[in-house]
Every structure is written in C-alpha cells, then in structure tokens.
C-alpha cells in the first residue's frame, strides 16, 4: 500500500493539472466540427403533434461538479455562418470565465475538479 501511494504521489507531481480551458480546448477523437465543445445539430422531431426540423449549432462548456451548460444558435434564424460565429464567441467567453479553474484526472468527481488532488 505504501508503494502504491508513493507511486500515485509521484505520478501526480510529474503530471500537474491542466487549466480547464486548455483541457476543454483539446480535440477528442469523436469531434467532427473541428472545434472542441461545438456541434452542428440537424434533427427532426415531433413537437405539439407535428414534425419539426431543428437545425442549430450547439455549444457546451463545463461548470462545477462535472456538469455542463449548453446554448443553441439557430441556423434558420442567424444563417449558417452567423450561428457558427455566435457559438464560437459564446464558447470563448465561457472558457475565459473558467480560466482560473484546473482539471485533474486524479481529482475526485465529487470535488468539482477545481483543486489539484
């Protein structure tokens, strides 16, 4: 047990936590938009008994306790380019707001990932 604890502490020291914006900006292998946290949504669904076409850019960013916020920008309302630009701007503003937070894979999920482990 002592060896495991020593190894874990050495691993944490050699891999300091990333800032949350740096972690959030890294592209995951499932990303298709080219921008982390930004997705183009094109779906058809039923609403109030009729079929509706939903077309928008969805932006998401992390908040405390492993939760996230979403904001949608309608392509029908703003146009493809306008909705995309608004989504990028919202994502940048959200990441700037969390710039002082850190992300550590070693931190407890219940701790909100704000403090280094």
PDB file of N, CA and C in Angstrom:
ATOM      1  N   UNK A   1       0.826  -1.199   0.000  1.00  0.00           N
ATOM      2  CA  UNK A   1       0.000   0.000   0.000  1.00  0.00           C
ATOM      3  C   UNK A   1       0.868   1.260   0.000  1.00  0.00           C
ATOM      4  N   UNK A   2       1.956   1.232   0.746  1.00  0.00           N
ATOM      5  CA  UNK A   2       2.856   2.384   0.801  1.00  0.00           C
ATOM      6  C   UNK A   2       3.479   2.623  -0.570  1.00  0.00           C
ATOM      7  N   UNK A   3       3.864   1.540  -1.259  1.00  0.00           N
ATOM      8  CA  UNK A   3       4.458   1.677  -2.591  1.00  0.00           C
ATOM      9  C   UNK A   3       3.449   2.272  -3.574  1.00  0.00           C
ATOM     10  N   UNK A   4       2.209   1.839  -3.479  1.00  0.00           N
ATOM     11  CA  UNK A   4       1.168   2.361  -4.370  1.00  0.00           C
ATOM     12  C   UNK A   4       0.926   3.843  -4.115  1.00  0.00           C
ATOM     13  N   UNK A   5       0.883   4.227  -2.855  1.00  0.00           N
ATOM     14  CA  UNK A   5       0.682   5.637  -2.502  1.00  0.00           C
ATOM     15  C   UNK A   5       1.848   6.486  -2.980  1.00  0.00           C
ATOM     16  N   UNK A   6       3.056   5.997  -2.797  1.00  0.00           N
ATOM     17  CA  UNK A   6       4.249   6.719  -3.252  1.00  0.00           C
ATOM     18  C   UNK A   6       4.226   6.882  -4.768  1.00  0.00           C
ATOM     19  N   UNK A   7       3.866   5.807  -5.482  1.00  0.00           N
ATOM     20  CA  UNK A   7       3.783   5.862  -6.942  1.00  0.00           C
ATOM     21  C   UNK A   7       2.734   6.877  -7.390  1.00  0.00           C
ATOM     22  N   UNK A   8       1.572   6.844  -6.751  1.00  0.00           N
ATOM     23  CA  UNK A   8       0.498   7.779  -7.113  1.00  0.00           C
ATOM     24  C   UNK A   8       0.938   9.222  -6.893  1.00  0.00           C
ATOM     25  N   UNK A   9       1.561   9.507  -5.774  1.00  0.00           N
ATOM     26  CA  UNK A   9       2.015  10.868  -5.487  1.00  0.00           C
ATOM     27  C   UNK A   9       3.064  11.329  -6.490  1.00  0.00           C
ATOM     28  N   UNK A  10       3.970  10.428  -6.884  1.00  0.00           N
ATOM     29  CA  UNK A  10       4.985  10.771  -7.892  1.00  0.00           C
ATOM     30  C   UNK A  10       4.328  11.034  -9.242  1.00  0.00           C
ATOM     31  N   UNK A  11       3.329  10.247  -9.575  1.00  0.00           N
ATOM     32  CA  UNK A  11       2.608  10.428 -10.835  1.00  0.00           C
ATOM     33  C   UNK A  11       1.887  11.773 -10.868  1.00  0.00           C
ATOM     34  N   UNK A  12       1.263  12.147  -9.786  1.00  0.00           N
ATOM     35  CA  UNK A  12       0.560  13.430  -9.699  1.00  0.00           C
ATOM     36  C   UNK A  12       1.547  14.590  -9.808  1.00  0.00           C
ATOM     37  N   UNK A  13       2.695  14.473  -9.134  1.00  0.00           N
ATOM     38  CA  UNK A  13       3.703  15.539  -9.210  1.00  0.00           C
ATOM     39  C   UNK A  13       4.259  15.690 -10.625  1.00  0.00           C
ATOM     40  N   UNK A  14       4.441  14.582 -11.333  1.00  0.00           N
ATOM     41  CA  UNK A  14       5.015  14.647 -12.678  1.00  0.00           C
ATOM     42  C   UNK A  14       3.991  15.044 -13.742  1.00  0.00           C
ATOM     43  N   UNK A  15       2.710  15.026 -13.406  1.00  0.00           N
ATOM     44  CA  UNK A  15       1.640  15.406 -14.337  1.00  0.00           C
ATOM     45  C   UNK A  15       0.736  16.425 -13.665  1.00  0.00           C
ATOM     46  N   UNK A  16       1.172  17.679 -13.600  1.00  0.00           N
ATOM     47  CA  UNK A  16       0.350  18.685 -12.923  1.00  0.00           C
ATOM     48  C   UNK A  16      -0.979  18.878 -13.654  1.00  0.00           C
ATOM     49  N   UNK A  17      -1.995  19.330 -12.936  1.00  0.00           N
ATOM     50  CA  UNK A  17      -3.303  19.516 -13.568  1.00  0.00           C
ATOM     51  C   UNK A  17      -3.257  20.590 -14.645  1.00  0.00           C
ATOM     52  N   UNK A  18      -4.040  20.378 -15.697  1.00  0.00           N
ATOM     53  CA  UNK A  18      -4.171  21.358 -16.776  1.00  0.00           C
ATOM     54  C   UNK A  18      -5.138  22.449 -16.351  1.00  0.00           C
ATOM     55  N   UNK A  19      -5.007  23.613 -16.970  1.00  0.00           N
ATOM     56  CA  UNK A  19      -6.052  24.610 -16.751  1.00  0.00           C
ATOM     57  C   UNK A  19      -7.295  24.086 -17.463  1.00  0.00           C
ATOM     58  N   UNK A  20      -8.453  24.419 -16.962  1.00  0.00           N
ATOM     59  CA  UNK A  20      -9.682  23.907 -17.562  1.00  0.00           C
ATOM     60  C   UNK A  20      -9.838  24.338 -19.023  1.00  0.00           C
ATOM     61  N   UNK A  21      -9.517  25.602 -19.379  1.00  0.00           N
ATOM     62  CA  UNK A  21      -9.637  25.976 -20.790  1.00  0.00           C
ATOM     63  C   UNK A  21      -8.726  25.154 -21.710  1.00  0.00           C
ATOM     64  N   UNK A  22      -7.522  24.826 -21.251  1.00  0.00           N
ATOM     65  CA  UNK A  22      -6.605  24.012 -22.062  1.00  0.00           C
ATOM     66  C   UNK A  22      -7.184  22.613 -22.240  1.00  0.00           C
ATOM     67  N   UNK A  23      -7.670  22.022 -21.169  1.00  0.00           N
ATOM     68  CA  UNK A  23      -8.268  20.696 -21.262  1.00  0.00           C
ATOM     69  C   UNK A  23      -9.503  20.715 -22.166  1.00  0.00           C
ATOM     70  N   UNK A  24     -10.346  21.727 -22.005  1.00  0.00           N
ATOM     71  CA  UNK A  24     -11.588  21.806 -22.780  1.00  0.00           C
ATOM     72  C   UNK A  24     -11.333  22.081 -24.258  1.00  0.00           C
ATOM     73  N   UNK A  25     -10.219  22.715 -24.578  1.00  0.00           N
ATOM     74  CA  UNK A  25      -9.915  23.043 -25.970  1.00  0.00           C
ATOM     75  C   UNK A  25      -9.281  21.875 -26.719  1.00  0.00           C
ATOM     76  N   UNK A  26      -8.844  20.847 -26.007  1.00  0.00           N
ATOM     77  CA  UNK A  26      -8.217  19.720 -26.690  1.00  0.00           C
ATOM     78  C   UNK A  26      -9.284  18.923 -27.434  1.00  0.00           C
ATOM     79  N   UNK A  27      -8.994  18.620 -28.697  1.00  0.00           N
ATOM     80  CA  UNK A  27      -9.951  17.896 -29.524  1.00  0.00           C
ATOM     81  C   UNK A  27      -9.971  16.423 -29.140  1.00  0.00           C
ATOM     82  N   UNK A  28     -11.151  15.904 -28.931  1.00  0.00           N
ATOM     83  CA  UNK A  28     -11.317  14.493 -28.637  1.00  0.00           C
ATOM     84  C   UNK A  28     -11.447  13.747 -29.968  1.00  0.00           C
ATOM     85  N   UNK A  29     -11.225  12.447 -29.963  1.00  0.00           N
ATOM     86  CA  UNK A  29     -11.229  11.703 -31.221  1.00  0.00           C
ATOM     87  C   UNK A  29     -12.613  11.620 -31.866  1.00  0.00           C
ATOM     88  N   UNK A  30     -13.674  11.881 -31.124  1.00  0.00           N
ATOM     89  CA  UNK A  30     -15.026  11.835 -31.679  1.00  0.00           C
ATOM     90  C   UNK A  30     -15.477  13.180 -32.257  1.00  0.00           C
ATOM     91  N   UNK A  31     -14.626  14.208 -32.170  1.00  0.00           N
ATOM     92  CA  UNK A  31     -15.002  15.546 -32.630  1.00  0.00           C
ATOM     93  C   UNK A  31     -15.110  15.583 -34.152  1.00  0.00           C
ATOM     94  N   UNK A  32     -16.202  16.181 -34.665  1.00  0.00           N
ATOM     95  CA  UNK A  32     -16.388  16.296 -36.110  1.00  0.00           C
ATOM     96  C   UNK A  32     -16.473  17.738 -36.586  1.00  0.00           C
ATOM     97  N   UNK A  33     -16.620  18.696 -35.676  1.00  0.00           N
ATOM     98  CA  UNK A  33     -16.759  20.094 -36.086  1.00  0.00           C
ATOM     99  C   UNK A  33     -15.409  20.788 -36.221  1.00  0.00           C
ATOM    100  N   UNK A  34     -14.371  20.225 -35.619  1.00  0.00           N
ATOM    101  CA  UNK A  34     -13.061  20.863 -35.643  1.00  0.00           C
ATOM    102  C   UNK A  34     -12.840  21.808 -34.479  1.00  0.00           C
ATOM    103  N   UNK A  35     -13.886  22.069 -33.698  1.00  0.00           N
ATOM    104  CA  UNK A  35     -13.782  22.934 -32.522  1.00  0.00           C
ATOM    105  C   UNK A  35     -14.343  22.162 -31.330  1.00  0.00           C
ATOM    106  N   UNK A  36     -13.549  22.055 -30.287  1.00  0.00           N
ATOM    107  CA  UNK A  36     -13.989  21.339 -29.095  1.00  0.00           C
ATOM    108  C   UNK A  36     -15.188  22.045 -28.460  1.00  0.00           C
ATOM    109  N   UNK A  37     -16.223  21.281 -28.116  1.00  0.00           N
ATOM    110  CA  UNK A  37     -17.400  21.841 -27.458  1.00  0.00           C
ATOM    111  C   UNK A  37     -18.429  22.437 -28.395  1.00  0.00           C
ATOM    112  N   UNK A  38     -18.241  22.271 -29.696  1.00  0.00           N
ATOM    113  CA  UNK A  38     -19.146  22.860 -30.681  1.00  0.00           C
ATOM    114  C   UNK A  38     -19.688  21.752 -31.581  1.00  0.00           C
ATOM    115  N   UNK A  39     -21.003  21.670 -31.718  1.00  0.00           N
ATOM    116  CA  UNK A  39     -21.628  20.627 -32.528  1.00  0.00           C
ATOM    117  C   UNK A  39     -22.705  21.228 -33.415  1.00  0.00           C
ATOM    118  N   UNK A  40     -22.786  20.744 -34.645  1.00  0.00           N
ATOM    119  CA  UNK A  40     -23.869  21.149 -35.545  1.00  0.00           C
ATOM    120  C   UNK A  40     -24.963  20.090 -35.427  1.00  0.00           C
ATOM    121  N   UNK A  41     -26.150  20.527 -35.059  1.00  0.00           N
ATOM    122  CA  UNK A  41     -27.268  19.611 -34.834  1.00  0.00           C
ATOM    123  C   UNK A  41     -28.279  19.769 -35.965  1.00  0.00           C
ATOM    124  N   UNK A  42     -28.651  18.642 -36.553  1.00  0.00           N
ATOM    125  CA  UNK A  42     -29.660  18.608 -37.613  1.00  0.00           C
ATOM    126  C   UNK A  42     -30.581  17.437 -37.293  1.00  0.00           C
ATOM    127  N   UNK A  43     -31.731  17.734 -36.701  1.00  0.00           N
ATOM    128  CA  UNK A  43     -32.616  16.646 -36.310  1.00  0.00           C
ATOM    129  C   UNK A  43     -34.068  16.998 -36.589  1.00  0.00           C
ATOM    130  N   UNK A  44     -34.832  15.954 -36.793  1.00  0.00           N
ATOM    131  CA  UNK A  44     -36.269  16.090 -36.977  1.00  0.00           C
ATOM    132  C   UNK A  44     -36.931  15.413 -35.780  1.00  0.00           C
ATOM    133  N   UNK A  45     -37.909  16.090 -35.225  1.00  0.00           N
ATOM    134  CA  UNK A  45     -38.593  15.548 -34.048  1.00  0.00           C
ATOM    135  C   UNK A  45     -40.035  16.011 -34.038  1.00  0.00           C
ATOM    136  N   UNK A  46     -40.822  15.399 -33.176  1.00  0.00           N
ATOM    137  CA  UNK A  46     -42.216  15.788 -33.031  1.00  0.00           C
ATOM    138  C   UNK A  46     -42.354  16.784 -31.895  1.00  0.00           C
ATOM    139  N   UNK A  47     -43.118  17.842 -32.155  1.00  0.00           N
ATOM    140  CA  UNK A  47     -43.391  18.847 -31.142  1.00  0.00           C
ATOM    141  C   UNK A  47     -44.834  19.295 -31.300  1.00  0.00           C
ATOM    142  N   UNK A  48     -45.610  19.133 -30.256  1.00  0.00           N
ATOM    143  CA  UNK A  48     -47.025  19.520 -30.261  1.00  0.00           C
ATOM    144  C   UNK A  48     -47.786  18.855 -31.401  1.00  0.00           C
ATOM    145  N   UNK A  49     -47.485  17.581 -31.654  1.00  0.00           N
ATOM    146  CA  UNK A  49     -48.215  16.811 -32.647  1.00  0.00           C
ATOM    147  C   UNK A  49     -47.758  16.972 -34.082  1.00  0.00           C
ATOM    148  N   UNK A  50     -46.787  17.814 -34.352  1.00  0.00           N
ATOM    149  CA  UNK A  50     -46.318  17.962 -35.730  1.00  0.00           C
ATOM    150  C   UNK A  50     -44.806  17.752 -35.797  1.00  0.00           C
ATOM    151  N   UNK A  51     -44.350  17.406 -36.984  1.00  0.00           N
ATOM    152  CA  UNK A  51     -42.929  17.152 -37.190  1.00  0.00           C
ATOM    153  C   UNK A  51     -42.195  18.473 -37.382  1.00  0.00           C
ATOM    154  N   UNK A  52     -41.081  18.657 -36.653  1.00  0.00           N
ATOM    155  CA  UNK A  52     -40.321  19.906 -36.671  1.00  0.00           C
ATOM    156  C   UNK A  52     -38.873  19.601 -37.043  1.00  0.00           C
ATOM    157  N   UNK A  53     -38.296  20.467 -37.866  1.00  0.00           N
ATOM    158  CA  UNK A  53     -36.885  20.331 -38.246  1.00  0.00           C
ATOM    159  C   UNK A  53     -36.063  21.282 -37.387  1.00  0.00           C
ATOM    160  N   UNK A  54     -35.184  20.750 -36.565  1.00  0.00           N
ATOM    161  CA  UNK A  54     -34.309  21.551 -35.702  1.00  0.00           C
ATOM    162  C   UNK A  54     -32.923  21.586 -36.340  1.00  0.00           C
ATOM    163  N   UNK A  55     -32.418  22.790 -36.581  1.00  0.00           N
ATOM    164  CA  UNK A  55     -31.122  22.970 -37.217  1.00  0.00           C
ATOM    165  C   UNK A  55     -30.401  24.081 -36.474  1.00  0.00           C
ATOM    166  N   UNK A  56     -29.334  23.727 -35.746  1.00  0.00           N
ATOM    167  CA  UNK A  56     -28.645  24.735 -34.936  1.00  0.00           C
ATOM    168  C   UNK A  56     -27.223  24.298 -34.600  1.00  0.00           C
ATOM    169  N   UNK A  57     -26.422  25.269 -34.176  1.00  0.00           N
ATOM    170  CA  UNK A  57     -25.102  24.999 -33.609  1.00  0.00           C
ATOM    171  C   UNK A  57     -25.272  24.977 -32.099  1.00  0.00           C
ATOM    172  N   UNK A  58     -24.799  23.917 -31.479  1.00  0.00           N
ATOM    173  CA  UNK A  58     -24.887  23.746 -30.026  1.00  0.00           C
ATOM    174  C   UNK A  58     -23.488  23.899 -29.445  1.00  0.00           C
ATOM    175  N   UNK A  59     -23.367  24.770 -28.457  1.00  0.00           N
ATOM    176  CA  UNK A  59     -22.083  24.959 -27.787  1.00  0.00           C
ATOM    177  C   UNK A  59     -22.244  24.517 -26.339  1.00  0.00           C
ATOM    178  N   UNK A  60     -21.241  23.850 -25.825  1.00  0.00           N
ATOM    179  CA  UNK A  60     -21.293  23.446 -24.421  1.00  0.00           C
ATOM    180  C   UNK A  60     -19.963  23.733 -23.755  1.00  0.00           C
ATOM    181  N   UNK A  61     -20.043  23.951 -22.431  1.00  0.00           N
ATOM    182  CA  UNK A  61     -18.842  24.210 -21.644  1.00  0.00           C
ATOM    183  C   UNK A  61     -19.067  23.673 -20.245  1.00  0.00           C
ATOM    184  N   UNK A  62     -17.987  23.326 -19.554  1.00  0.00           N
ATOM    185  CA  UNK A  62     -18.132  22.741 -18.222  1.00  0.00           C
ATOM    186  C   UNK A  62     -18.433  23.788 -17.163  1.00  0.00           C
ATOM    187  N   UNK A  63     -19.181  23.362 -16.174  1.00  0.00           N
ATOM    188  CA  UNK A  63     -19.376  24.166 -14.970  1.00  0.00           C
ATOM    189  C   UNK A  63     -18.957  23.274 -13.801  1.00  0.00           C
ATOM    190  N   UNK A  64     -19.334  23.606 -12.616  1.00  0.00           N
ATOM    191  CA  UNK A  64     -18.896  22.843 -11.447  1.00  0.00           C
ATOM    192  C   UNK A  64     -19.549  21.470 -11.362  1.00  0.00           C
ATOM    193  N   UNK A  65     -18.918  20.602 -10.587  1.00  0.00           N
ATOM    194  CA  UNK A  65     -19.430  19.270 -10.254  1.00  0.00           C
ATOM    195  C   UNK A  65     -19.716  18.403 -11.474  1.00  0.00           C
ATOM    196  N   UNK A  66     -18.821  18.424 -12.450  1.00  0.00           N
ATOM    197  CA  UNK A  66     -18.904  17.564 -13.639  1.00  0.00           C
ATOM    198  C   UNK A  66     -20.193  17.773 -14.431  1.00  0.00           C
ATOM    199  N   UNK A  67     -20.729  18.963 -14.406  1.00  0.00           N
ATOM    200  CA  UNK A  67     -21.912  19.294 -15.187  1.00  0.00           C
ATOM    201  C   UNK A  67     -21.503  20.241 -16.306  1.00  0.00           C
ATOM    202  N   UNK A  68     -22.399  20.444 -17.257  1.00  0.00           N
ATOM    203  CA  UNK A  68     -22.096  21.372 -18.343  1.00  0.00           C
ATOM    204  C   UNK A  68     -23.318  22.200 -18.704  1.00  0.00           C
ATOM    205  N   UNK A  69     -23.073  23.304 -19.344  1.00  0.00           N
ATOM    206  CA  UNK A  69     -24.122  24.187 -19.851  1.00  0.00           C
ATOM    207  C   UNK A  69     -24.123  24.089 -21.376  1.00  0.00           C
ATOM    208  N   UNK A  70     -25.298  24.288 -21.955  1.00  0.00           N
ATOM    209  CA  UNK A  70     -25.459  24.288 -23.403  1.00  0.00           C
ATOM    210  C   UNK A  70     -26.128  25.584 -23.829  1.00  0.00           C
ATOM    211  N   UNK A  71     -25.804  26.022 -25.018  1.00  0.00           N
ATOM    212  CA  UNK A  71     -26.512  27.143 -25.614  1.00  0.00           C
ATOM    213  C   UNK A  71     -26.659  26.825 -27.097  1.00  0.00           C
ATOM    214  N   UNK A  72     -27.851  27.086 -27.634  1.00  0.00           N
ATOM    215  CA  UNK A  72     -28.149  26.768 -29.025  1.00  0.00           C
ATOM    216  C   UNK A  72     -28.244  28.046 -29.848  1.00  0.00           C
ATOM    217  N   UNK A  73     -27.738  27.985 -31.082  1.00  0.00           N
ATOM    218  CA  UNK A  73     -27.811  29.112 -32.008  1.00  0.00           C
ATOM    219  C   UNK A  73     -28.438  28.613 -33.305  1.00  0.00           C
ATOM    220  N   UNK A  74     -29.647  29.084 -33.583  1.00  0.00           N
ATOM    221  CA  UNK A  74     -30.435  28.621 -34.715  1.00  0.00           C
ATOM    222  C   UNK A  74     -29.809  29.013 -36.047  1.00  0.00           C
ATOM    223  N   UNK A  75     -29.660  28.032 -36.915  1.00  0.00           N
ATOM    224  CA  UNK A  75     -29.160  28.290 -38.265  1.00  0.00           C
ATOM    225  C   UNK A  75     -30.254  28.957 -39.092  1.00  0.00           C
ATOM    226  N   UNK A  76     -31.510  28.619 -38.831  1.00  0.00           N
ATOM    227  CA  UNK A  76     -32.613  29.240 -39.562  1.00  0.00           C
ATOM    228  C   UNK A  76     -32.737  30.727 -39.209  1.00  0.00           C
ATOM    229  N   UNK A  77     -32.433  31.081 -37.973  1.00  0.00           N
ATOM    230  CA  UNK A  77     -32.551  32.467 -37.525  1.00  0.00           C
ATOM    231  C   UNK A  77     -31.336  33.307 -37.922  1.00  0.00           C
ATOM    232  N   UNK A  78     -30.119  32.781 -37.687  1.00  0.00           N
ATOM    233  CA  UNK A  78     -28.896  33.564 -37.891  1.00  0.00           C
ATOM    234  C   UNK A  78     -28.145  33.229 -39.176  1.00  0.00           C
ATOM    235  N   UNK A  79     -28.550  32.175 -39.866  1.00  0.00           N
ATOM    236  CA  UNK A  79     -27.786  31.703 -41.015  1.00  0.00           C
ATOM    237  C   UNK A  79     -26.665  30.794 -40.528  1.00  0.00           C
ATOM    238  N   UNK A  80     -26.133  29.995 -41.434  1.00  0.00           N
ATOM    239  CA  UNK A  80     -25.083  29.038 -41.055  1.00  0.00           C
ATOM    240  C   UNK A  80     -23.872  29.736 -40.435  1.00  0.00           C
ATOM    241  N   UNK A  81     -23.361  30.745 -41.130  1.00  0.00           N
ATOM    242  CA  UNK A  81     -22.164  31.444 -40.662  1.00  0.00           C
ATOM    243  C   UNK A  81     -22.433  32.248 -39.390  1.00  0.00           C
ATOM    244  N   UNK A  82     -23.576  32.914 -39.326  1.00  0.00           N
ATOM    245  CA  UNK A  82     -23.907  33.720 -38.152  1.00  0.00           C
ATOM    246  C   UNK A  82     -24.078  32.879 -36.900  1.00  0.00           C
ATOM    247  N   UNK A  83     -24.754  31.740 -37.032  1.00  0.00           N
ATOM    248  CA  UNK A  83     -24.950  30.850 -35.884  1.00  0.00           C
ATOM    249  C   UNK A  83     -23.615  30.268 -35.427  1.00  0.00           C
ATOM    250  N   UNK A  84     -22.768  29.902 -36.389  1.00  0.00           N
ATOM    251  CA  UNK A  84     -21.453  29.349 -36.059  1.00  0.00           C
ATOM    252  C   UNK A  84     -20.595  30.384 -35.335  1.00  0.00           C
ATOM    253  N   UNK A  85     -20.574  31.614 -35.842  1.00  0.00           N
ATOM    254  CA  UNK A  85     -19.770  32.671 -35.208  1.00  0.00           C
ATOM    255  C   UNK A  85     -20.271  32.980 -33.798  1.00  0.00           C
ATOM    256  N   UNK A  86     -21.584  33.015 -33.621  1.00  0.00           N
ATOM    257  CA  UNK A  86     -22.140  33.267 -32.285  1.00  0.00           C
ATOM    258  C   UNK A  86     -21.774  32.137 -31.319  1.00  0.00           C
ATOM    259  N   UNK A  87     -21.820  30.906 -31.805  1.00  0.00           N
ATOM    260  CA  UNK A  87     -21.467  29.760 -30.966  1.00  0.00           C
ATOM    261  C   UNK A  87     -19.989  29.811 -30.569  1.00  0.00           C
ATOM    262  N   UNK A  88     -19.124  30.147 -31.519  1.00  0.00           N
ATOM    263  CA  UNK A  88     -17.694  30.275 -31.205  1.00  0.00           C
ATOM    264  C   UNK A  88     -17.450  31.357 -30.162  1.00  0.00           C
ATOM    265  N   UNK A  89     -18.136  32.479 -30.316  1.00  0.00           N
ATOM    266  CA  UNK A  89     -17.975  33.594 -29.380  1.00  0.00           C
ATOM    267  C   UNK A  89     -18.457  33.199 -27.979  1.00  0.00           C
ATOM    268  N   UNK A  90     -19.582  32.494 -27.903  1.00  0.00           N
ATOM    269  CA  UNK A  90     -20.113  32.052 -26.609  1.00  0.00           C
ATOM    270  C   UNK A  90     -19.165  31.055 -25.947  1.00  0.00           C
ATOM    271  N   UNK A  91     -18.594  30.162 -26.727  1.00  0.00           N
ATOM    272  CA  UNK A  91     -17.647  29.172 -26.187  1.00  0.00           C
ATOM    273  C   UNK A  91     -16.399  29.868 -25.636  1.00  0.00           C
ATOM    274  N   UNK A  92     -15.868  30.833 -26.394  1.00  0.00           N
ATOM    275  CA  UNK A  92     -14.675  31.565 -25.950  1.00  0.00           C
ATOM    276  C   UNK A  92     -14.953  32.329 -24.657  1.00  0.00           C
ATOM    277  N   UNK A  93     -16.109  32.963 -24.570  1.00  0.00           N
ATOM    278  CA  UNK A  93     -16.465  33.713 -23.359  1.00  0.00           C
ATOM    279  C   UNK A  93     -16.610  32.775 -22.162  1.00  0.00           C
ATOM    280  N   UNK A  94     -17.204  31.615 -22.380  1.00  0.00           N
ATOM    281  CA  UNK A  94     -17.386  30.652 -21.289  1.00  0.00           C
ATOM    282  C   UNK A  94     -16.042  30.115 -20.804  1.00  0.00           C
ATOM    283  N   UNK A  95     -15.132  29.818 -21.731  1.00  0.00           N
ATOM    284  CA  UNK A  95     -13.820  29.312 -21.330  1.00  0.00           C
ATOM    285  C   UNK A  95     -13.005  30.382 -20.618  1.00  0.00           C
ATOM    286  N   UNK A  96     -13.188  31.626 -21.023  1.00  0.00           N
ATOM    287  CA  UNK A  96     -12.492  32.722 -20.338  1.00  0.00           C
ATOM    288  C   UNK A  96     -12.987  32.837 -18.893  1.00  0.00           C
ATOM    289  N   UNK A  97     -14.277  32.609 -18.691  1.00  0.00           N
ATOM    290  CA  UNK A  97     -14.862  32.714 -17.352  1.00  0.00           C
ATOM    291  C   UNK A  97     -14.345  31.629 -16.406  1.00  0.00           C
ATOM    292  N   UNK A  98     -13.914  30.496 -16.947  1.00  0.00           N
ATOM    293  CA  UNK A  98     -13.412  29.415 -16.089  1.00  0.00           C
ATOM    294  C   UNK A  98     -11.890  29.317 -16.139  1.00  0.00           C
ATOM    295  N   UNK A  99     -11.228  30.350 -16.614  1.00  0.00           N
ATOM    296  CA  UNK A  99      -9.784  30.288 -16.836  1.00  0.00           C
ATOM    297  C   UNK A  99      -8.969  30.035 -15.572  1.00  0.00           C
ATOM    298  N   UNK A 100      -9.497  30.353 -14.411  1.00  0.00           N
ATOM    299  CA  UNK A 100      -8.734  30.144 -13.177  1.00  0.00           C
ATOM    300  C   UNK A 100      -8.890  28.728 -12.625  1.00  0.00           C
ATOM    301  N   UNK A 101      -9.802  27.946 -13.180  1.00  0.00           N
ATOM    302  CA  UNK A 101     -10.029  26.586 -12.692  1.00  0.00           C
ATOM    303  C   UNK A 101      -9.028  25.622 -13.324  1.00  0.00           C
ATOM    304  N   UNK A 102      -8.806  24.495 -12.676  1.00  0.00           N
ATOM    305  CA  UNK A 102      -7.927  23.465 -13.219  1.00  0.00           C
ATOM    306  C   UNK A 102      -8.693  22.169 -13.383  1.00  0.00           C
ATOM    307  N   UNK A 103      -8.149  21.310 -14.230  1.00  0.00           N
ATOM    308  CA  UNK A 103      -8.713  19.981 -14.430  1.00  0.00           C
ATOM    309  C   UNK A 103      -7.630  18.972 -14.105  1.00  0.00           C
ATOM    310  N   UNK A 104      -7.954  18.017 -13.276  1.00  0.00           N
ATOM    311  CA  UNK A 104      -7.021  16.944 -12.958  1.00  0.00           C
ATOM    312  C   UNK A 104      -7.768  15.626 -13.005  1.00  0.00           C
ATOM    313  N   UNK A 105      -7.278  14.663 -13.791  1.00  0.00           N
ATOM    314  CA  UNK A 105      -7.947  13.364 -13.823  1.00  0.00           C
ATOM    315  C   UNK A 105      -7.847  12.626 -12.495  1.00  0.00           C
ATOM    316  N   UNK A 106      -6.958  13.100 -11.616  1.00  0.00           N
ATOM    317  CA  UNK A 106      -6.785  12.469 -10.317  1.00  0.00           C
ATOM    318  C   UNK A 106      -7.740  13.029  -9.275  1.00  0.00           C
ATOM    319  N   UNK A 107      -8.378  14.154  -9.579  1.00  0.00           N
ATOM    320  CA  UNK A 107      -9.283  14.781  -8.619  1.00  0.00           C
ATOM    321  C   UNK A 107     -10.558  13.954  -8.501  1.00  0.00           C
ATOM    322  N   UNK A 108     -11.139  13.993  -7.358  1.00  0.00           N
ATOM    323  CA  UNK A 108     -12.388  13.286  -7.113  1.00  0.00           C
ATOM    324  C   UNK A 108     -13.506  13.953  -7.897  1.00  0.00           C
ATOM    325  N   UNK A 109     -14.384  13.157  -8.501  1.00  0.00           N
ATOM    326  CA  UNK A 109     -15.508  13.725  -9.251  1.00  0.00           C
ATOM    327  C   UNK A 109     -16.373  14.580  -8.352  1.00  0.00           C
ATOM    328  N   UNK A 110     -16.530  14.220  -7.118  1.00  0.00           N
ATOM    329  CA  UNK A 110     -17.370  14.969  -6.191  1.00  0.00           C
ATOM    330  C   UNK A 110     -16.758  16.294  -5.777  1.00  0.00           C
ATOM    331  N   UNK A 111     -15.463  16.470  -6.005  1.00  0.00           N
ATOM    332  CA  UNK A 111     -14.786  17.696  -5.588  1.00  0.00           C
ATOM    333  C   UNK A 111     -14.931  18.812  -6.607  1.00  0.00           C
ATOM    334  N   UNK A 112     -15.543  18.534  -7.756  1.00  0.00           N
ATOM    335  CA  UNK A 112     -15.767  19.578  -8.750  1.00  0.00           C
ATOM    336  C   UNK A 112     -14.569  19.869  -9.627  1.00  0.00           C
ATOM    337  N   UNK A 113     -13.489  19.119  -9.499  1.00  0.00           N
ATOM    338  CA  UNK A 113     -12.294  19.278 -10.321  1.00  0.00           C
ATOM    339  C   UNK A 113     -11.705  20.665 -10.263  1.00  0.00           C
ATOM    340  N   UNK A 114     -11.918  21.411  -9.197  1.00  0.00           N
ATOM    341  CA  UNK A 114     -11.372  22.760  -9.088  1.00  0.00           C
ATOM    342  C   UNK A 114     -10.025  22.792  -8.400  1.00  0.00           C
ATOM    343  N   UNK A 115      -9.726  21.799  -7.627  1.00  0.00           N
ATOM    344  CA  UNK A 115      -8.471  21.803  -6.879  1.00  0.00           C
ATOM    345  C   UNK A 115      -7.613  20.627  -7.311  1.00  0.00           C
ATOM    346  N   UNK A 116      -6.334  20.817  -7.282  1.00  0.00           N
ATOM    347  CA  UNK A 116      -5.430  19.719  -7.596  1.00  0.00           C
ATOM    348  C   UNK A 116      -5.539  18.673  -6.497  1.00  0.00           C
ATOM    349  N   UNK A 117      -5.380  17.418  -6.883  1.00  0.00           N
ATOM    350  CA  UNK A 117      -5.525  16.336  -5.900  1.00  0.00           C
ATOM    351  C   UNK A 117      -4.349  16.282  -4.963  1.00  0.00           C
TER     352      UNK A 117
END
